[in-house]
């Protein structure tokens, strides 16, 4: 496993989303409302919207603002129906992320 230094801890505030690129792969770093850091592929599997400029953190999920698919830290996806029901959707690939000494590192997950 190869760890890549990608950002400083201060670059991803609570509720923040940061687009990054590693070896030509577009990713986003995001921090949930509870402060948990996550890394995932940058494109929503629905219609390929970029989750950097087109994503927002809502609680413990990253929401694609194009069609409101919601991604949990583990990459599982859902969409809230008008009546509050959660419908499962296609997941997004996640990557290992760690913070150390004020820096953030990501290890790319391969399929």
Protein backbone atom coordinates (compact mmCIF):
# COMPACT_ATOMS: atom_id res chain seq x y z
CA UNK A 1 0.00 0.00 0.00
CA UNK A 2 1.35 3.41 -0.97
CA UNK A 3 0.35 6.45 1.06
CA UNK A 4 0.20 9.81 -0.76
CA UNK A 5 0.47 13.12 1.09
CA UNK A 6 -2.43 15.16 -0.32
CA UNK A 7 -3.36 18.00 2.04
CA UNK A 8 -2.96 19.60 5.42
CA UNK A 9 -5.45 18.83 8.18
CA UNK A 10 -6.58 22.47 8.13
CA UNK A 11 -7.48 22.16 4.42
CA UNK A 12 -10.56 20.03 5.23
CA UNK A 13 -12.69 21.64 7.93
CA UNK A 14 -15.76 19.99 9.44
CA UNK A 15 -18.35 20.00 6.64
CA UNK A 16 -15.68 20.67 4.03
CA UNK A 17 -15.06 18.99 0.68
CA UNK A 18 -11.69 19.16 -1.07
CA UNK A 19 -11.04 17.86 -4.62
CA UNK A 20 -7.65 16.16 -5.02
CA UNK A 21 -5.89 14.10 -7.67
CA UNK A 22 -3.54 11.15 -7.21
CA UNK A 23 -1.82 9.57 -10.21
CA UNK A 24 -4.48 10.94 -12.55
CA UNK A 25 -7.41 9.75 -10.39
CA UNK A 26 -9.92 12.36 -9.28
CA UNK A 27 -10.87 12.04 -5.60
CA UNK A 28 -12.48 14.13 -2.91
CA UNK A 29 -11.63 14.42 0.75
CA UNK A 30 -14.50 15.35 3.04
CA UNK A 31 -15.08 15.70 6.76
CA UNK A 32 -18.39 14.76 8.36
CA UNK A 33 -20.20 16.82 11.00
CA UNK A 34 -18.66 14.62 13.70
CA UNK A 35 -15.19 15.34 12.28
CA UNK A 36 -14.52 11.98 10.60
CA UNK A 37 -12.35 12.31 7.50
CA UNK A 38 -13.21 10.34 4.35
CA UNK A 39 -11.81 9.92 0.84
CA UNK A 40 -13.74 8.66 -2.19
CA UNK A 41 -13.81 8.80 -5.97
CA UNK A 42 -14.81 12.27 -7.13
CA UNK A 43 -17.56 11.27 -9.54
CA UNK A 44 -21.12 10.41 -8.56
CA UNK A 45 -22.01 7.05 -10.13
CA UNK A 46 -25.43 8.35 -11.17
CA UNK A 47 -24.57 10.90 -13.85
CA UNK A 48 -20.87 11.49 -13.23
CA UNK A 49 -21.24 14.86 -11.46
CA UNK A 50 -18.05 15.95 -9.68
CA UNK A 51 -18.49 15.75 -5.91
CA UNK A 52 -15.90 18.47 -5.28
CA UNK A 53 -17.71 21.57 -6.51
CA UNK A 54 -21.00 19.67 -6.79
CA UNK A 55 -21.04 18.03 -3.37
CA UNK A 56 -21.93 19.14 0.15
CA UNK A 57 -21.65 17.51 3.54
CA UNK A 58 -24.91 16.92 5.39
CA UNK A 59 -24.27 15.38 8.80
CA UNK A 60 -22.38 12.14 8.24
CA UNK A 61 -22.97 11.99 4.48
CA UNK A 62 -21.64 13.60 1.31
CA UNK A 63 -24.53 14.70 -0.90
CA UNK A 64 -24.32 15.05 -4.67
CA UNK A 65 -26.09 18.32 -5.39
CA UNK A 66 -27.10 17.26 -8.91
CA UNK A 67 -29.70 14.65 -7.92
CA UNK A 68 -29.22 14.37 -4.15
CA UNK A 69 -27.69 10.94 -3.87
CA UNK A 70 -26.16 10.61 -0.40
CA UNK A 71 -22.88 8.80 0.32
CA UNK A 72 -21.90 7.46 3.72
CA UNK A 73 -18.28 7.38 4.83
CA UNK A 74 -18.10 3.72 3.76
CA UNK A 75 -19.29 4.65 0.25
CA UNK A 76 -22.78 3.18 0.45
CA UNK A 77 -25.37 5.37 -1.23
CA UNK A 78 -29.02 6.19 -0.86
CA UNK A 79 -31.56 8.79 -1.79
CA UNK A 80 -34.25 10.13 0.49
CA UNK A 81 -37.76 9.90 -0.94
CA UNK A 82 -40.34 12.62 -0.26
CA UNK A 83 -41.92 10.46 2.45
CA UNK A 84 -38.55 9.98 4.21
CA UNK A 85 -37.92 6.47 2.87
CA UNK A 86 -34.29 5.72 1.97
CA UNK A 87 -33.76 4.02 -1.38
CA UNK A 88 -30.43 2.25 -1.96
CA UNK A 89 -28.34 3.58 -4.85
CA UNK A 90 -24.98 2.71 -6.43
CA UNK A 91 -22.05 3.12 -4.08
CA UNK A 92 -18.90 5.14 -4.61
CA UNK A 93 -15.41 3.67 -4.18
CA UNK A 94 -13.70 4.80 -0.99
CA UNK A 95 -10.02 5.01 -0.14
CA UNK A 96 -8.06 4.69 3.07
CA UNK A 97 -7.24 8.03 4.64
CA UNK A 98 -5.21 9.00 7.69
CA UNK A 99 -4.07 12.14 9.47
CA UNK A 100 -0.69 12.52 11.11
CA UNK A 101 1.33 15.51 12.28
CA UNK A 102 -1.01 18.00 10.62
CA UNK A 103 -1.07 16.22 7.27
CA UNK A 104 -3.56 14.03 5.40
CA UNK A 105 -2.53 10.95 3.43
CA UNK A 106 -4.59 8.72 1.13
CA UNK A 107 -3.92 5.19 -0.10
CA UNK A 108 -5.72 4.38 -3.38
CA UNK A 109 -8.05 1.39 -3.22
CA UNK A 110 -7.78 -0.85 -6.24
CA UNK A 111 -10.58 -3.11 -7.43
